[in-house]
Protein backbone atom coordinates (compact mmCIF):
# COMPACT_ATOMS: atom_id res chain seq x y z
CA MET A 1 30.90 24.66 48.79
CA ARG A 2 27.44 26.22 48.43
CA GLU A 3 26.43 27.99 45.22
CA ASP A 4 24.99 31.45 45.66
CA ALA A 5 21.82 32.47 43.80
CA SER A 6 23.68 34.14 40.94
CA ASP A 7 25.80 31.03 40.29
CA TRP A 8 22.70 28.85 40.33
CA LEU A 9 20.91 31.17 37.88
CA ARG A 10 23.89 31.23 35.49
CA ARG A 11 24.04 27.42 35.56
CA LEU A 12 20.31 27.18 34.85
CA LEU A 13 20.57 29.59 31.91
CA TRP A 14 23.57 27.70 30.54
CA LEU A 15 21.72 24.37 30.73
CA GLY A 16 18.71 25.95 29.02
CA ALA A 17 20.84 27.31 26.19
CA LEU A 18 22.56 23.94 25.83
CA SER A 19 19.17 22.22 25.64
CA LEU A 20 17.93 24.61 22.95
CA THR A 21 21.11 24.09 20.95
CA ALA A 22 20.73 20.34 21.17
CA CYS A 23 17.11 20.55 20.02
CA SER A 24 18.01 22.70 17.04
CA GLN A 25 20.59 20.15 15.91
CA HIS A 26 17.82 17.63 15.25
CA ILE A 27 16.37 19.79 12.46
CA PRO A 28 18.42 19.18 9.30
CA ARG A 29 19.10 21.75 6.64
CA ILE A 30 18.06 20.87 3.12
CA ALA A 31 19.39 21.31 -0.37
CA TRP A 32 17.79 20.82 -3.77
CA GLN A 33 19.47 17.97 -5.68
CA ASP A 34 17.54 17.71 -8.93
CA SER A 35 14.11 18.00 -10.54
CA GLY A 36 12.13 15.97 -13.03
CA LEU A 37 8.97 15.78 -15.12
CA ILE A 38 6.42 12.97 -15.40
CA ASP A 39 4.16 12.61 -18.44
CA CYS A 40 1.02 11.49 -16.57
CA VAL A 41 -1.23 11.56 -19.64
CA PRO A 42 -0.48 11.59 -23.38
CA ALA A 43 0.44 15.09 -24.55
CA GLY A 44 -2.52 16.81 -26.20
CA SER A 45 -4.98 13.98 -25.42
CA LEU A 46 -8.65 14.75 -24.86
CA GLY A 47 -10.81 13.43 -22.03
CA LYS A 48 -14.48 13.74 -21.14
CA LYS A 49 -16.48 16.27 -23.16
CA GLY A 50 -13.45 16.83 -25.37
CA LYS A 51 -11.46 18.62 -22.66
CA LEU A 52 -7.68 18.51 -22.61
CA GLN A 53 -6.37 15.86 -20.21
CA THR A 54 -4.00 17.42 -17.69
CA CYS A 55 -1.67 16.31 -14.91
CA GLU A 56 -1.57 17.62 -11.35
CA THR A 57 0.53 15.13 -9.40
CA SER A 58 -0.73 15.10 -5.82
CA ALA A 59 0.59 12.07 -3.92
CA ILE A 60 3.55 9.69 -3.76
CA ALA A 61 4.60 6.56 -1.86
CA ILE A 62 7.63 4.35 -2.41
CA ARG A 63 7.47 0.60 -1.73
CA ASP A 64 10.56 -1.50 -2.44
CA ASP A 65 11.40 -1.00 -6.13
CA LYS A 66 8.09 0.67 -7.07
CA VAL A 67 6.83 4.24 -6.87
CA TRP A 68 3.10 4.85 -6.51
CA LEU A 69 1.74 8.20 -7.70
CA ALA A 70 -1.60 9.96 -8.02
CA ASN A 71 -2.92 12.64 -10.38
CA ASP A 72 -5.86 14.55 -8.91
CA LYS A 73 -7.29 15.18 -12.38
CA ASP A 74 -9.56 12.67 -14.09
CA SER A 75 -8.43 10.81 -17.18
CA LEU A 76 -9.90 8.25 -19.55
CA PRO A 77 -8.83 4.56 -19.64
CA PRO A 78 -6.34 3.08 -20.14
CA THR A 79 -4.88 6.06 -18.30
CA SER A 80 -6.03 6.46 -14.69
CA ALA A 81 -5.41 8.79 -11.76
CA PHE A 82 -3.30 6.18 -9.91
CA PHE A 83 -0.17 4.79 -11.50
CA THR A 84 3.20 3.24 -10.78
CA LEU A 85 6.70 3.18 -12.21
CA ALA A 86 10.00 1.54 -11.42
CA ARG A 87 11.89 3.31 -8.66
CA SER A 88 14.99 3.43 -10.86
CA ALA A 89 12.98 5.33 -13.51
CA LEU A 90 12.20 8.30 -11.26
CA GLN A 91 14.87 10.47 -12.82
CA GLY A 92 14.88 13.33 -15.29
CA HIS A 93 12.01 13.09 -17.78
CA VAL A 94 9.67 10.14 -17.09
CA GLU A 95 7.74 9.34 -20.26
CA TYR A 96 4.13 8.17 -20.41
CA GLY A 97 5.14 4.75 -21.74
CA GLN A 98 7.09 4.03 -18.53
CA LEU A 99 3.94 4.19 -16.39
CA GLN A 100 1.58 1.38 -15.39
CA PHE A 101 -2.00 2.39 -14.53
CA LEU A 102 -4.38 0.92 -11.96
CA ASN A 103 -7.89 0.37 -13.32
CA ALA A 104 -9.48 -1.93 -10.72
CA GLY A 105 -10.46 -1.66 -7.07
CA PRO A 106 -11.44 1.21 -4.75
CA VAL A 107 -8.25 3.21 -5.32
CA ALA A 108 -8.84 3.30 -9.08
CA LYS A 109 -12.43 4.48 -8.56
CA ALA A 110 -11.56 7.24 -6.08
CA ARG A 111 -11.54 10.86 -7.22
CA LYS A 112 -8.90 13.42 -6.26
CA ILE A 113 -6.43 11.36 -4.23
CA GLU A 114 -4.44 13.89 -2.20
CA GLU A 115 -2.01 11.77 -0.18
CA LEU A 116 -0.44 8.33 0.05
CA SER A 117 1.32 6.99 3.14
CA HIS A 118 3.38 3.78 3.26
CA SER A 119 4.79 2.08 6.36
CA ARG A 120 7.79 0.02 5.31
CA THR A 121 7.89 -1.81 8.65
CA LEU A 122 4.23 -2.88 8.49
CA ASP A 123 4.03 -3.00 4.66
CA LEU A 124 0.84 -1.01 5.04
CA THR A 125 -0.35 1.77 2.70
CA LEU A 126 -3.14 4.32 3.01
CA ALA A 127 -4.66 6.61 0.39
CA VAL A 128 -6.97 9.55 1.10
CA THR A 129 -9.01 11.83 -1.13
CA ALA A 130 -9.72 15.51 -0.52
CA PHE A 131 -13.15 15.09 1.17
CA ASP A 132 -13.99 18.48 -0.38
CA ARG A 133 -17.18 17.43 -2.17
CA THR A 134 -20.57 16.49 -0.76
CA PRO A 135 -23.95 15.78 -2.37
CA GLU A 136 -24.92 19.29 -1.22
CA THR A 137 -22.32 20.74 -3.61
CA GLU A 138 -24.36 19.27 -6.49
CA GLU A 139 -21.65 16.75 -7.31
CA LYS A 140 -23.49 13.62 -8.42
CA ASP A 141 -20.42 11.47 -7.73
CA ALA A 142 -19.44 13.30 -4.52
CA LYS A 143 -18.95 10.05 -2.60
CA ALA A 144 -15.94 9.23 -4.78
CA TYR A 145 -14.24 12.32 -3.28
CA ASN A 146 -14.78 10.96 0.25
CA GLN A 147 -12.49 7.95 0.48
CA LEU A 148 -9.94 6.67 3.00
CA MET A 149 -8.44 3.39 1.78
CA ILE A 150 -5.93 0.91 3.17
CA TRP A 151 -4.10 -2.16 1.90
CA ARG A 152 -1.23 -4.43 2.84
CA GLY A 153 1.38 -5.58 0.36
CA ALA A 154 2.11 -4.80 -3.26
CA ASP A 155 -1.36 -4.74 -4.84
CA PRO A 156 -3.39 -1.49 -4.44
CA SER A 157 -6.41 -3.16 -6.06
CA THR A 158 -6.92 -5.12 -2.80
CA ALA A 159 -7.59 -1.93 -0.80
CA VAL A 160 -10.60 -1.66 1.49
CA ARG A 161 -12.30 1.50 2.69
CA LEU A 162 -12.33 2.88 6.22
CA PRO A 163 -14.07 3.02 8.60
CA ASP A 164 -16.31 0.28 7.10
CA PRO A 165 -14.54 -2.14 4.74
CA LEU A 166 -17.89 -3.22 3.29
CA ALA A 167 -18.96 0.33 2.39
CA LYS A 168 -18.56 1.89 -1.04
CA ASN A 169 -17.22 5.15 0.38
CA SER A 170 -15.99 6.78 3.60
CA MET A 171 -18.86 9.24 4.05
CA ALA A 172 -19.28 7.92 7.61
CA LEU A 173 -16.06 9.76 8.48
CA ARG A 174 -17.43 13.20 7.63
CA PRO A 175 -19.34 13.83 10.90
CA LEU A 176 -16.33 12.67 12.94
CA LEU A 177 -14.04 15.03 11.07
CA GLN A 178 -16.50 17.92 11.28
CA THR A 179 -16.85 17.45 15.04
CA ALA A 180 -13.06 17.57 15.44
CA LEU A 181 -12.92 20.77 13.35
CA ALA A 182 -15.70 22.55 15.26
CA ASP A 183 -15.00 25.83 17.07
CA ALA A 184 -16.91 28.79 18.52
CA THR A 185 -17.83 30.14 15.08
CA THR A 186 -18.89 26.75 13.70
CA PRO A 187 -20.06 24.70 16.72
CA THR A 188 -21.18 21.80 14.52
CA GLY A 189 -18.07 21.95 12.36
CA PRO A 190 -17.41 23.59 8.98
CA ALA A 191 -19.66 22.67 6.08
CA TYR A 192 -16.59 22.58 3.86
CA PHE A 193 -13.10 21.25 4.55
CA LYS A 194 -10.26 19.89 2.47
CA ILE A 195 -7.68 17.23 3.30
CA GLU A 196 -4.30 17.49 1.59
CA GLY A 197 -2.04 15.57 3.97
CA MET A 198 -1.87 12.18 5.66
CA SER A 199 0.80 10.12 7.38
CA GLN A 200 1.21 7.28 9.87
CA ASP A 201 3.79 5.88 12.25
CA ASP A 202 4.53 2.23 13.01
CA GLN A 203 2.84 2.38 16.43
CA GLY A 204 -0.66 2.97 15.08
CA THR A 205 -1.01 6.76 14.97
CA LEU A 206 -2.64 8.30 11.90
CA TRP A 207 -2.63 11.98 10.98
CA LEU A 208 -4.77 13.85 8.47
CA GLY A 209 -3.66 17.30 7.32
CA ILE A 210 -6.31 19.99 6.86
CA ARG A 211 -5.60 22.69 4.27
CA GLU A 212 -8.93 24.54 4.09
CA THR A 213 -12.16 25.04 6.01
CA GLY A 214 -15.09 27.34 5.36
CA PRO A 215 -18.80 27.69 4.68
CA ASP A 216 -18.22 26.44 1.11
CA TYR A 217 -15.37 25.79 -1.32
CA GLU A 218 -15.60 29.32 -2.75
CA HIS A 219 -14.83 30.95 0.62
CA PRO A 220 -12.01 28.93 2.20
CA GLN A 221 -9.68 29.84 5.02
CA TYR A 222 -6.23 28.31 4.75
CA ARG A 223 -5.23 26.09 7.65
CA LEU A 224 -2.20 24.39 9.11
CA TRP A 225 -4.11 21.82 11.15
CA LEU A 226 -3.64 18.16 12.00
CA LEU A 227 -6.30 15.65 12.96
CA GLU A 228 -4.81 12.79 14.98
CA THR A 229 -6.36 9.35 15.52
CA THR A 230 -5.36 5.68 15.59
CA ARG A 231 -5.50 2.74 13.22
CA ARG A 232 -5.00 -0.94 13.99
CA GLN A 233 -5.55 -4.41 12.60
CA THR A 234 -7.48 -7.03 14.55
CA LYS A 235 -6.44 -10.67 14.94
CA SER A 236 -8.97 -11.54 12.24
CA GLY A 237 -7.23 -9.12 9.87
CA GLU A 238 -9.84 -6.35 9.89
CA PHE A 239 -8.58 -2.76 9.86
CA LYS A 240 -10.04 -0.47 12.52
CA LEU A 241 -9.92 3.32 12.73
CA GLY A 242 -10.16 5.32 15.95
CA SER A 243 -13.51 7.00 16.56
CA ASP A 244 -12.00 10.18 18.03
CA PHE A 245 -9.96 12.77 16.13
CA LYS A 246 -7.88 15.32 18.02
CA ARG A 247 -7.19 18.65 16.33
CA ILE A 248 -3.71 20.17 16.54
CA LYS A 249 -3.21 23.73 15.30
CA LEU A 250 0.30 24.27 13.94
CA ILE A 251 2.21 27.47 14.64
CA GLU A 252 5.73 28.81 14.36
CA HIS A 253 6.72 31.34 17.00
CA GLY A 254 7.79 34.64 15.50
CA SER A 255 6.37 33.87 12.05
CA ASP A 256 3.22 34.99 10.29
CA LEU A 257 1.90 31.93 8.45
CA ASN A 258 -1.38 33.57 7.47
CA GLY A 259 -2.28 32.49 3.94
CA TRP A 260 -0.16 29.34 4.06
CA GLY A 261 -2.07 26.05 3.89
CA LEU A 262 -0.92 22.53 4.71
CA SER A 263 -0.22 20.54 1.56
CA GLY A 264 1.68 17.41 2.61
CA LEU A 265 2.76 15.19 5.54
CA LEU A 266 5.45 12.58 6.08
CA TYR A 267 6.44 10.85 9.32
CA ASP A 268 10.19 10.45 9.90
CA SER A 269 10.98 7.49 12.17
CA LYS A 270 14.70 8.31 12.16
CA ARG A 271 14.29 11.91 13.35
CA LYS A 272 11.09 11.28 15.35
CA GLY A 273 8.75 13.83 13.90
CA LEU A 274 6.59 14.98 11.00
CA TRP A 275 7.74 16.72 7.84
CA ILE A 276 5.07 19.21 6.80
CA SER A 277 4.83 21.04 3.50
CA ALA A 278 2.87 24.28 3.31
CA SER A 279 2.05 26.23 0.18
CA ARG A 280 0.58 29.61 -0.59
CA GLU A 281 -1.94 30.42 -3.29
CA VAL A 282 -0.71 33.22 -5.52
CA GLY A 283 -2.12 35.38 -8.29
CA GLU A 284 -2.47 34.22 -11.87
CA GLY A 285 0.93 34.10 -13.54
CA GLN A 286 2.83 34.43 -10.25
CA PRO A 287 5.36 31.75 -9.24
CA LEU A 288 4.15 29.12 -6.79
CA GLN A 289 5.66 28.87 -3.30
CA SER A 290 6.14 26.04 -0.81
CA ARG A 291 7.97 25.74 2.49
CA LEU A 292 8.99 22.76 4.59
CA PHE A 293 8.62 22.52 8.35
CA PHE A 294 9.52 19.87 10.91
CA LEU A 295 7.34 19.01 13.90
CA PRO A 296 9.28 17.01 16.53
CA ASN A 297 7.28 14.43 18.46
CA ARG A 298 8.00 16.24 21.71
CA GLN A 299 6.41 19.42 20.30
CA ARG A 300 3.44 17.81 18.57
CA GLU A 301 0.91 18.35 21.35
CA ARG A 302 1.69 22.07 21.25
CA GLY A 303 1.94 22.18 17.44
CA HIS A 304 5.27 24.05 17.50
CA LEU A 305 6.73 23.94 14.00
CA ARG A 306 10.39 24.48 13.12
CA SER A 307 11.23 26.13 9.79
CA VAL A 308 13.61 24.08 7.69
CA GLN A 309 16.54 26.17 6.52
CA ALA A 310 18.36 26.03 3.20
CA LEU A 311 21.82 24.49 3.52
CA SER A 312 23.56 27.49 1.96
CA THR A 313 21.74 30.23 3.91
CA ASP A 314 20.18 31.03 7.26
CA THR A 315 16.78 31.62 5.68
CA PRO A 316 13.78 29.28 5.27
CA TRP A 317 13.99 27.04 2.22
CA ILE A 318 11.32 28.03 -0.33
CA ALA A 319 10.50 26.06 -3.47
CA PRO A 320 8.92 27.71 -6.55
CA HIS A 321 6.41 24.84 -6.75
CA LYS A 322 3.37 23.59 -4.84
CA ILE A 323 4.66 20.56 -2.95
CA GLU A 324 1.80 18.15 -2.26
CA GLY A 325 3.35 14.77 -1.55
CA LEU A 326 6.48 13.62 0.27
CA ALA A 327 8.28 10.27 0.42
CA PHE A 328 11.72 9.02 1.43
CA ALA A 329 14.02 7.80 -1.35
CA ASP A 330 16.37 6.89 1.51
CA ALA A 331 16.76 8.05 5.11
CA ASP A 332 18.45 11.28 4.04
CA THR A 333 16.68 12.07 0.75
CA LEU A 334 13.14 13.33 0.22
CA ILE A 335 11.14 13.08 -2.98
CA ALA A 336 8.58 15.88 -3.26
CA ILE A 337 5.76 15.61 -5.79
CA CYS A 338 4.21 18.88 -6.96
CA ASP A 339 0.75 19.97 -8.09
CA GLU A 340 1.38 22.93 -10.38
CA ASP A 341 -2.29 23.45 -11.26
CA ARG A 342 -2.31 25.50 -14.49
CA THR A 343 1.11 27.08 -13.89
CA GLN A 344 3.71 26.43 -16.58
CA SER A 345 6.56 26.32 -14.09
CA PRO A 346 10.23 26.48 -15.06
CA VAL A 347 11.95 23.18 -14.20
CA HIS A 348 15.65 22.32 -14.38
CA VAL A 349 15.91 18.77 -15.78
CA ASN A 350 19.12 16.99 -16.73
CA GLY A 351 21.02 20.26 -17.02
CA LYS A 352 18.35 21.94 -19.14
CA ASP A 353 15.87 24.69 -18.26
CA LEU A 354 12.43 23.46 -19.35
CA ILE A 355 8.84 24.65 -18.96
CA ARG A 356 6.37 22.22 -17.44
CA GLN A 357 3.52 21.42 -19.85
CA PRO A 358 -0.15 20.67 -18.93
CA HIS A 359 0.29 16.88 -19.30
CA GLN A 360 3.27 16.81 -16.92
CA GLY A 361 3.82 16.59 -13.18
CA VAL A 362 6.91 17.86 -11.36
CA PHE A 363 9.05 16.09 -8.77
CA LEU A 364 11.98 17.32 -6.69
CA ARG A 365 14.80 15.40 -5.00
CA ILE A 366 15.86 17.05 -1.74
CA ALA A 367 18.91 16.16 0.35
CA LEU A 368 18.77 16.32 4.16
CA HIS A 369 22.00 17.47 5.82
């Protein structure tokens, strides 16, 4: 029996609706589980030039029973900007004495680490700095802000730099990144850009997340952009980075994301896509804001984001913090590390309402449903 045109059209619409429903089921809802504080530096301690040492936690990776973390503010030895703690200790209030600090190797010498990415399958970890300083900005140690580092195994002090493992920095990457970021208004690429995200999959793809571009750091435009390339290891053990970076502009249909900037990335091998945190700069004294999005692999070329909804509502989940780093505690639990800048954020820890102090970082535990 032949279908007429109207029957065929109804069937096509039904299949399309079914397909959209199936796609939407792959995006979990999320719920806050608990929060915590980390004393990154001794309370009230002074650093260079007698300035108060502060904590702005910016990156996290979890390997076996250890948690690796970064503070994008400088500190004096024996404290450093890269530290570790036992995975079991990442609960409630983590005290300074529970931390172990890295003081050797390229990672310890880097300035302003913005993201860590660990592949459990490959036992491979990458760390990236902001790339937001150059010698032209009158920063005498600008090269320390331009670092992409990689290591295998448990010891971050064995890291080498990319793209040249013999180099003392990753300045050679800057022209490649600028070329990928070029457009009609800046045909040679922006003079200023800032990386705040990075992730990798087990097949050799590497993503960098761009938060800002502009003529200089005082006049940034906030971005939700990815730069995609490859990384591999040769038979001789040398790490190689792709020479081409492809830019992907992220959008969400029906939403105005103007003013939101990318602040974190995490690849999800179970759900086949990227978790993306975005945050918005607010006025002095105003509460911080972050959102989470999911970018399925099948939508990555087009950059079509999906808002992640709160479990209890039909509205996008918004955190009153600036989420900067993401890691999996398990397949269905995210740990988000937050850079609160100078904001004394309210934090609920072990049943108590506390105020985050300048020497403390904030972390969140988020359940995926």
